[in-house]
Amino acid sequence: MNGRCQMSVEDDSMHKREGPKFLTDNERDLIKLIVSLGTKEDLVILVEGRRDEEVLRDLGVRSDIVRTQTFVARADIVDHLAEFRKQVLILTDFDDEGIELDRYFERELTARKVRVLSAERSRIRLLFGDWKCIEEMHGLFKRLDSPEPVKM
């Protein structure tokens, strides 16, 4: 997989691995943090792909979400985010490509005087533990005490 976070519908192996039957304290804290950030009206969340957006919506995130995996150039995404006049949480994956995207967007947005929530990204990274992909949060719905996915 060349270090990328990729999961096909046929081989959903990241979700099949055995884990705890109940949410861990870190997972509970992660859910609380994502949900609290996702209710902010002055926030835009930047993710890589459709599945990342889906898991955030399932957790109840109502904030605007912009995806990097589109046919839009990075510079145009920066322009679009700057037009929102909101804070931005860069929630790209924690693999090499996601880290590179984070650095690029943080540098470009900061240069345009857009507030980037880097401390929140760092906190989410800590709570992620061994996970590297945002879409791995789908695993949070597979525990006995998991929240029900929110359908909007």
N, C-alpha and C. Protein backbone atom coordinates (compact mmCIF):
# COMPACT_ATOMS: atom_id res chain seq x y z
N MET A 1 0.81 -1.20 0.00
CA MET A 1 0.00 0.00 0.00
C MET A 1 0.85 1.26 0.00
N ASN A 2 2.12 1.18 -0.14
CA ASN A 2 3.05 2.30 -0.20
C ASN A 2 2.82 3.36 0.86
N GLY A 3 2.47 2.96 2.08
CA GLY A 3 2.35 3.89 3.17
C GLY A 3 1.06 4.70 3.20
N ARG A 4 0.20 4.51 2.23
CA ARG A 4 -1.04 5.27 2.17
C ARG A 4 -2.14 4.59 2.97
N CYS A 5 -3.06 5.37 3.41
CA CYS A 5 -4.23 4.86 4.10
C CYS A 5 -5.27 4.56 3.04
N GLN A 6 -5.35 3.30 2.65
CA GLN A 6 -6.33 2.92 1.64
C GLN A 6 -7.07 1.69 2.12
N MET A 7 -8.37 1.73 1.95
CA MET A 7 -9.19 0.59 2.33
C MET A 7 -10.20 0.38 1.22
N SER A 8 -10.25 -0.80 0.69
CA SER A 8 -11.25 -1.08 -0.33
C SER A 8 -12.48 -1.67 0.34
N VAL A 9 -13.58 -1.60 -0.34
CA VAL A 9 -14.83 -2.15 0.19
C VAL A 9 -14.68 -3.66 0.36
N GLU A 10 -13.97 -4.30 -0.58
CA GLU A 10 -13.82 -5.75 -0.52
C GLU A 10 -12.91 -6.18 0.62
N ASP A 11 -11.83 -5.44 0.87
CA ASP A 11 -10.86 -5.81 1.90
C ASP A 11 -10.83 -4.74 2.96
N ASP A 12 -11.75 -4.83 3.89
CA ASP A 12 -11.86 -3.85 4.95
C ASP A 12 -11.07 -4.34 6.16
N SER A 13 -9.81 -4.76 5.92
CA SER A 13 -9.03 -5.44 6.94
C SER A 13 -8.77 -4.58 8.17
N MET A 14 -8.70 -3.26 8.04
CA MET A 14 -8.46 -2.41 9.20
C MET A 14 -9.61 -2.53 10.19
N HIS A 15 -10.80 -2.80 9.70
CA HIS A 15 -11.96 -2.88 10.58
C HIS A 15 -12.16 -4.28 11.13
N LYS A 16 -11.51 -5.28 10.54
CA LYS A 16 -11.71 -6.66 10.98
C LYS A 16 -10.79 -7.05 12.13
N ARG A 17 -9.71 -6.27 12.35
CA ARG A 17 -8.78 -6.69 13.38
C ARG A 17 -9.46 -6.65 14.75
N GLU A 18 -9.08 -7.61 15.55
CA GLU A 18 -9.68 -7.71 16.87
C GLU A 18 -9.18 -6.58 17.75
N GLY A 19 -10.08 -5.99 18.45
CA GLY A 19 -9.73 -4.92 19.37
C GLY A 19 -10.55 -5.08 20.63
N PRO A 20 -10.49 -4.11 21.49
CA PRO A 20 -11.28 -4.21 22.71
C PRO A 20 -12.78 -4.22 22.40
N LYS A 21 -13.54 -4.86 23.28
CA LYS A 21 -14.99 -4.93 23.08
C LYS A 21 -15.66 -3.61 23.45
N PHE A 22 -14.98 -2.83 24.29
CA PHE A 22 -15.53 -1.56 24.73
C PHE A 22 -14.58 -0.43 24.35
N LEU A 23 -15.11 0.77 24.27
CA LEU A 23 -14.28 1.93 23.96
C LEU A 23 -13.23 2.15 25.05
N THR A 24 -12.02 2.50 24.63
CA THR A 24 -10.98 2.84 25.59
C THR A 24 -11.18 4.29 26.03
N ASP A 25 -10.48 4.70 27.08
CA ASP A 25 -10.58 6.09 27.53
C ASP A 25 -10.15 7.04 26.42
N ASN A 26 -9.08 6.70 25.69
CA ASN A 26 -8.62 7.55 24.59
C ASN A 26 -9.69 7.66 23.51
N GLU A 27 -10.35 6.56 23.19
CA GLU A 27 -11.39 6.60 22.16
C GLU A 27 -12.58 7.45 22.60
N ARG A 28 -12.94 7.35 23.89
CA ARG A 28 -14.02 8.20 24.41
C ARG A 28 -13.62 9.68 24.32
N ASP A 29 -12.38 9.97 24.72
CA ASP A 29 -11.89 11.35 24.66
C ASP A 29 -11.83 11.84 23.21
N LEU A 30 -11.45 10.96 22.29
CA LEU A 30 -11.40 11.32 20.87
C LEU A 30 -12.79 11.67 20.36
N ILE A 31 -13.76 10.85 20.69
CA ILE A 31 -15.14 11.11 20.26
C ILE A 31 -15.61 12.45 20.82
N LYS A 32 -15.38 12.69 22.11
CA LYS A 32 -15.81 13.95 22.73
C LYS A 32 -15.15 15.15 22.05
N LEU A 33 -13.86 15.04 21.77
CA LEU A 33 -13.14 16.15 21.14
C LEU A 33 -13.66 16.42 19.73
N ILE A 34 -13.82 15.36 18.94
CA ILE A 34 -14.31 15.52 17.56
C ILE A 34 -15.72 16.12 17.58
N VAL A 35 -16.58 15.60 18.44
CA VAL A 35 -17.96 16.10 18.50
C VAL A 35 -17.98 17.56 18.94
N SER A 36 -17.17 17.92 19.94
CA SER A 36 -17.17 19.31 20.40
C SER A 36 -16.64 20.26 19.33
N LEU A 37 -15.60 19.84 18.61
CA LEU A 37 -15.08 20.67 17.52
C LEU A 37 -16.11 20.77 16.39
N GLY A 38 -16.78 19.67 16.13
CA GLY A 38 -17.72 19.60 15.01
C GLY A 38 -18.99 20.39 15.18
N THR A 39 -19.19 20.97 16.37
CA THR A 39 -20.38 21.80 16.57
C THR A 39 -20.05 23.29 16.43
N LYS A 40 -18.78 23.60 16.23
CA LYS A 40 -18.38 25.01 16.09
C LYS A 40 -18.81 25.54 14.74
N GLU A 41 -19.51 26.65 14.77
CA GLU A 41 -19.98 27.26 13.52
C GLU A 41 -18.87 28.01 12.81
N ASP A 42 -17.83 28.40 13.55
CA ASP A 42 -16.74 29.17 12.95
C ASP A 42 -15.55 28.28 12.57
N LEU A 43 -15.84 27.02 12.23
CA LEU A 43 -14.78 26.06 11.93
C LEU A 43 -15.04 25.38 10.60
N VAL A 44 -13.95 25.20 9.85
CA VAL A 44 -13.97 24.37 8.64
C VAL A 44 -12.95 23.25 8.89
N ILE A 45 -13.33 22.03 8.57
CA ILE A 45 -12.43 20.89 8.75
C ILE A 45 -11.95 20.45 7.37
N LEU A 46 -10.64 20.31 7.23
CA LEU A 46 -10.04 19.87 5.98
C LEU A 46 -9.64 18.41 6.12
N VAL A 47 -10.21 17.54 5.27
CA VAL A 47 -9.89 16.11 5.27
C VAL A 47 -9.42 15.72 3.88
N GLU A 48 -8.94 14.48 3.76
CA GLU A 48 -8.45 14.02 2.47
C GLU A 48 -9.58 13.54 1.56
N GLY A 49 -10.36 12.58 2.03
CA GLY A 49 -11.31 11.96 1.12
C GLY A 49 -12.72 11.83 1.64
N ARG A 50 -13.56 11.23 0.81
CA ARG A 50 -14.98 11.04 1.09
C ARG A 50 -15.21 10.21 2.36
N ARG A 51 -14.44 9.14 2.54
CA ARG A 51 -14.64 8.28 3.73
C ARG A 51 -14.28 9.00 5.01
N ASP A 52 -13.29 9.89 4.94
CA ASP A 52 -12.95 10.70 6.12
C ASP A 52 -14.12 11.60 6.49
N GLU A 53 -14.70 12.23 5.48
CA GLU A 53 -15.86 13.09 5.73
C GLU A 53 -17.03 12.27 6.29
N GLU A 54 -17.25 11.08 5.74
CA GLU A 54 -18.37 10.24 6.20
C GLU A 54 -18.24 9.88 7.68
N VAL A 55 -17.04 9.50 8.12
CA VAL A 55 -16.89 9.11 9.52
C VAL A 55 -17.10 10.31 10.44
N LEU A 56 -16.68 11.48 10.02
CA LEU A 56 -16.91 12.68 10.83
C LEU A 56 -18.40 13.00 10.90
N ARG A 57 -19.09 12.86 9.79
CA ARG A 57 -20.55 13.09 9.79
C ARG A 57 -21.24 12.06 10.67
N ASP A 58 -20.78 10.80 10.63
CA ASP A 58 -21.36 9.75 11.48
C ASP A 58 -21.18 10.07 12.96
N LEU A 59 -20.09 10.79 13.29
CA LEU A 59 -19.85 11.18 14.68
C LEU A 59 -20.67 12.42 15.06
N GLY A 60 -21.36 13.00 14.10
CA GLY A 60 -22.22 14.14 14.39
C GLY A 60 -21.62 15.50 14.06
N VAL A 61 -20.51 15.51 13.33
CA VAL A 61 -19.88 16.78 12.97
C VAL A 61 -20.78 17.54 12.01
N ARG A 62 -21.09 18.79 12.37
CA ARG A 62 -21.94 19.63 11.55
C ARG A 62 -21.17 20.76 10.88
N SER A 63 -19.91 20.95 11.26
CA SER A 63 -19.09 22.00 10.66
C SER A 63 -18.91 21.75 9.17
N ASP A 64 -18.54 22.81 8.46
CA ASP A 64 -18.20 22.66 7.04
C ASP A 64 -16.99 21.74 6.91
N ILE A 65 -17.00 20.88 5.90
CA ILE A 65 -15.88 19.98 5.63
C ILE A 65 -15.46 20.18 4.18
N VAL A 66 -14.16 20.33 3.97
CA VAL A 66 -13.59 20.47 2.62
C VAL A 66 -12.62 19.31 2.43
N ARG A 67 -12.68 18.68 1.25
CA ARG A 67 -11.81 17.54 0.95
C ARG A 67 -10.67 17.95 0.02
N THR A 68 -9.50 17.35 0.26
CA THR A 68 -8.34 17.62 -0.61
C THR A 68 -8.35 16.72 -1.84
N GLN A 69 -8.98 15.55 -1.75
CA GLN A 69 -9.00 14.61 -2.88
C GLN A 69 -10.13 14.96 -3.83
N THR A 70 -9.90 16.04 -4.54
CA THR A 70 -10.84 16.50 -5.56
C THR A 70 -10.01 16.86 -6.78
N PHE A 71 -10.67 17.35 -7.79
CA PHE A 71 -9.95 17.76 -9.00
C PHE A 71 -9.57 19.24 -8.92
N VAL A 72 -9.55 19.77 -7.71
CA VAL A 72 -9.22 21.17 -7.49
C VAL A 72 -7.76 21.26 -7.04
N ALA A 73 -7.03 22.21 -7.59
CA ALA A 73 -5.63 22.41 -7.22
C ALA A 73 -5.52 22.84 -5.75
N ARG A 74 -4.40 22.46 -5.14
CA ARG A 74 -4.19 22.83 -3.73
C ARG A 74 -4.31 24.33 -3.50
N ALA A 75 -3.74 25.12 -4.40
CA ALA A 75 -3.79 26.58 -4.25
C ALA A 75 -5.24 27.07 -4.26
N ASP A 76 -6.07 26.45 -5.07
CA ASP A 76 -7.49 26.83 -5.12
C ASP A 76 -8.22 26.43 -3.84
N ILE A 77 -7.81 25.31 -3.25
CA ILE A 77 -8.40 24.89 -1.96
C ILE A 77 -8.03 25.90 -0.89
N VAL A 78 -6.78 26.36 -0.90
CA VAL A 78 -6.35 27.39 0.05
C VAL A 78 -7.20 28.65 -0.12
N ASP A 79 -7.39 29.08 -1.38
CA ASP A 79 -8.23 30.25 -1.65
C ASP A 79 -9.64 30.05 -1.09
N HIS A 80 -10.20 28.88 -1.35
CA HIS A 80 -11.55 28.56 -0.89
C HIS A 80 -11.64 28.61 0.64
N LEU A 81 -10.66 28.00 1.32
CA LEU A 81 -10.66 27.99 2.78
C LEU A 81 -10.51 29.41 3.34
N ALA A 82 -9.68 30.22 2.71
CA ALA A 82 -9.48 31.59 3.18
C ALA A 82 -10.76 32.41 3.02
N GLU A 83 -11.56 32.10 2.00
CA GLU A 83 -12.82 32.82 1.77
C GLU A 83 -13.85 32.56 2.87
N PHE A 84 -13.76 31.41 3.52
CA PHE A 84 -14.71 31.08 4.59
C PHE A 84 -14.61 32.06 5.76
N ARG A 85 -13.40 32.60 5.97
CA ARG A 85 -13.13 33.48 7.11
C ARG A 85 -13.46 32.77 8.43
N LYS A 86 -13.07 31.52 8.50
CA LYS A 86 -13.28 30.70 9.69
C LYS A 86 -11.96 30.06 10.09
N GLN A 87 -11.94 29.48 11.30
CA GLN A 87 -10.79 28.69 11.73
C GLN A 87 -10.77 27.40 10.92
N VAL A 88 -9.57 26.82 10.75
CA VAL A 88 -9.45 25.58 9.99
C VAL A 88 -8.76 24.53 10.85
N LEU A 89 -9.38 23.34 10.91
CA LEU A 89 -8.77 22.17 11.51
C LEU A 89 -8.32 21.28 10.37
N ILE A 90 -7.02 21.08 10.24
CA ILE A 90 -6.49 20.22 9.19
C ILE A 90 -6.48 18.80 9.76
N LEU A 91 -7.38 17.98 9.26
CA LEU A 91 -7.53 16.62 9.77
C LEU A 91 -7.21 15.62 8.67
N THR A 92 -6.02 15.80 8.08
CA THR A 92 -5.54 14.83 7.11
C THR A 92 -4.96 13.65 7.88
N ASP A 93 -4.73 12.54 7.17
CA ASP A 93 -4.21 11.34 7.82
C ASP A 93 -2.85 11.62 8.46
N PHE A 94 -2.43 10.71 9.31
CA PHE A 94 -1.16 10.84 10.01
C PHE A 94 -0.09 9.95 9.39
N ASP A 95 -0.21 9.71 8.09
CA ASP A 95 0.82 9.00 7.33
C ASP A 95 1.68 10.06 6.64
N ASP A 96 2.66 9.63 5.85
CA ASP A 96 3.59 10.58 5.21
C ASP A 96 2.86 11.60 4.34
N GLU A 97 1.94 11.15 3.50
CA GLU A 97 1.23 12.07 2.62
C GLU A 97 0.35 13.04 3.40
N GLY A 98 -0.34 12.53 4.41
CA GLY A 98 -1.19 13.39 5.22
C GLY A 98 -0.41 14.44 5.98
N ILE A 99 0.76 14.05 6.48
CA ILE A 99 1.63 15.00 7.19
C ILE A 99 2.13 16.07 6.23
N GLU A 100 2.47 15.67 5.02
CA GLU A 100 2.93 16.63 4.01
C GLU A 100 1.80 17.60 3.66
N LEU A 101 0.57 17.09 3.51
CA LEU A 101 -0.58 17.95 3.24
C LEU A 101 -0.81 18.93 4.40
N ASP A 102 -0.70 18.43 5.61
CA ASP A 102 -0.88 19.28 6.79
C ASP A 102 0.13 20.43 6.78
N ARG A 103 1.38 20.11 6.54
CA ARG A 103 2.41 21.16 6.51
C ARG A 103 2.14 22.19 5.43
N TYR A 104 1.78 21.72 4.24
CA TYR A 104 1.50 22.63 3.13
C TYR A 104 0.34 23.57 3.47
N PHE A 105 -0.79 22.99 3.88
CA PHE A 105 -1.97 23.81 4.13
C PHE A 105 -1.78 24.72 5.34
N GLU A 106 -1.11 24.24 6.37
CA GLU A 106 -0.87 25.11 7.52
C GLU A 106 -0.01 26.31 7.12
N ARG A 107 1.04 26.07 6.37
CA ARG A 107 1.93 27.16 5.92
C ARG A 107 1.16 28.17 5.06
N GLU A 108 0.41 27.67 4.09
CA GLU A 108 -0.30 28.56 3.16
C GLU A 108 -1.44 29.32 3.84
N LEU A 109 -2.17 28.64 4.71
CA LEU A 109 -3.29 29.30 5.39
C LEU A 109 -2.80 30.32 6.41
N THR A 110 -1.74 29.98 7.13
CA THR A 110 -1.17 30.91 8.10
C THR A 110 -0.67 32.16 7.40
N ALA A 111 -0.08 31.99 6.23
CA ALA A 111 0.40 33.15 5.46
C ALA A 111 -0.76 34.07 5.07
N ARG A 112 -1.96 33.51 4.98
CA ARG A 112 -3.15 34.31 4.63
C ARG A 112 -3.91 34.75 5.88
N LYS A 113 -3.28 34.60 7.02
CA LYS A 113 -3.86 35.03 8.30
C LYS A 113 -5.10 34.24 8.70
N VAL A 114 -5.17 32.97 8.25
CA VAL A 114 -6.25 32.07 8.66
C VAL A 114 -5.77 31.33 9.90
N ARG A 115 -6.60 31.27 10.93
CA ARG A 115 -6.22 30.56 12.15
C ARG A 115 -6.35 29.05 11.93
N VAL A 116 -5.23 28.35 12.09
CA VAL A 116 -5.20 26.89 11.94
C VAL A 116 -5.10 26.29 13.33
N LEU A 117 -5.97 25.34 13.61
CA LEU A 117 -6.02 24.71 14.95
C LEU A 117 -5.02 23.56 15.05
N SER A 118 -3.74 23.92 15.15
CA SER A 118 -2.69 22.89 15.20
C SER A 118 -2.66 22.14 16.53
N ALA A 119 -2.97 22.83 17.63
CA ALA A 119 -2.96 22.16 18.94
C ALA A 119 -4.04 21.08 18.97
N GLU A 120 -5.18 21.35 18.37
CA GLU A 120 -6.26 20.36 18.33
C GLU A 120 -5.86 19.16 17.48
N ARG A 121 -5.18 19.42 16.35
CA ARG A 121 -4.69 18.31 15.52
C ARG A 121 -3.71 17.46 16.31
N SER A 122 -2.82 18.09 17.05
CA SER A 122 -1.84 17.35 17.87
C SER A 122 -2.54 16.51 18.93
N ARG A 123 -3.56 17.06 19.55
CA ARG A 123 -4.32 16.31 20.57
C ARG A 123 -5.01 15.11 19.94
N ILE A 124 -5.61 15.31 18.76
CA ILE A 124 -6.26 14.20 18.06
C ILE A 124 -5.23 13.13 17.71
N ARG A 125 -4.04 13.55 17.29
CA ARG A 125 -2.98 12.59 16.95
C ARG A 125 -2.62 11.74 18.16
N LEU A 126 -2.50 12.35 19.31
CA LEU A 126 -2.18 11.60 20.53
C LEU A 126 -3.28 10.59 20.86
N LEU A 127 -4.53 11.01 20.73
CA LEU A 127 -5.65 10.14 21.04
C LEU A 127 -5.80 9.01 20.02
N PHE A 128 -5.29 9.20 18.81
CA PHE A 128 -5.37 8.19 17.76
C PHE A 128 -4.53 6.95 18.10
N GLY A 129 -3.51 7.10 18.91
CA GLY A 129 -2.66 5.96 19.24
C GLY A 129 -1.98 5.42 17.99
N ASP A 130 -2.21 4.14 17.68
CA ASP A 130 -1.58 3.49 16.53
C ASP A 130 -2.27 3.79 15.21
N TRP A 131 -3.42 4.35 15.24
CA TRP A 131 -4.14 4.65 13.99
C TRP A 131 -3.41 5.73 13.22
N LYS A 132 -3.47 5.65 11.93
CA LYS A 132 -2.88 6.68 11.07
C LYS A 132 -3.91 7.33 10.15
N CYS A 133 -5.02 6.64 9.93
CA CYS A 133 -6.02 7.10 8.96
C CYS A 133 -7.28 7.60 9.66
N ILE A 134 -7.78 8.73 9.20
CA ILE A 134 -9.01 9.30 9.78
C ILE A 134 -10.16 8.30 9.65
N GLU A 135 -10.24 7.62 8.52
CA GLU A 135 -11.34 6.68 8.30
C GLU A 135 -11.30 5.49 9.25
N GLU A 136 -10.19 5.27 9.93
CA GLU A 136 -10.12 4.18 10.92
C GLU A 136 -11.06 4.44 12.09
N MET A 137 -11.53 5.67 12.22
CA MET A 137 -12.48 5.97 13.29
C MET A 137 -13.79 5.21 13.11
N HIS A 138 -14.02 4.64 11.92
CA HIS A 138 -15.20 3.78 11.74
C HIS A 138 -15.20 2.67 12.78
N GLY A 139 -14.01 2.25 13.22
CA GLY A 139 -13.89 1.21 14.25
C GLY A 139 -14.53 1.60 15.57
N LEU A 140 -14.70 2.89 15.80
CA LEU A 140 -15.33 3.35 17.04
C LEU A 140 -16.79 2.91 17.13
N PHE A 141 -17.40 2.60 15.99
CA PHE A 141 -18.81 2.20 15.98
C PHE A 141 -18.98 0.69 16.14
N LYS A 142 -17.89 -0.04 16.30
CA LYS A 142 -17.96 -1.49 16.38
C LYS A 142 -17.85 -2.03 17.80
N ARG A 143 -17.80 -1.16 18.80
CA ARG A 143 -17.69 -1.58 20.18
C ARG A 143 -19.07 -1.70 20.80
N LEU A 144 -19.17 -2.48 21.86
CA LEU A 144 -20.46 -2.69 22.52
C LEU A 144 -21.05 -1.40 23.07
N ASP A 145 -20.17 -0.47 23.49
CA ASP A 145 -20.65 0.80 24.05
C ASP A 145 -20.44 1.97 23.09
N SER A 146 -20.40 1.67 21.81
CA SER A 146 -20.18 2.69 20.79
C SER A 146 -21.38 3.61 20.64
N PRO A 147 -21.10 4.83 20.19
CA PRO A 147 -22.23 5.70 19.86
C PRO A 147 -22.88 5.21 18.58
N GLU A 148 -24.14 5.53 18.41
CA GLU A 148 -24.82 5.21 17.15
C GLU A 148 -24.39 6.25 16.12
N PRO A 149 -24.09 5.83 14.88
CA PRO A 149 -23.76 6.82 13.85
C PRO A 149 -24.92 7.80 13.68
N VAL A 150 -24.56 9.06 13.54
CA VAL A 150 -25.56 10.11 13.35
C VAL A 150 -25.85 10.20 11.87
N LYS A 151 -27.11 10.15 11.53
CA LYS A 151 -27.50 10.30 10.12
C LYS A 151 -28.11 11.67 9.95
N MET A 152 -27.51 12.44 9.07
CA MET A 152 -27.97 13.83 8.86
C MET A 152 -28.75 13.92 7.58
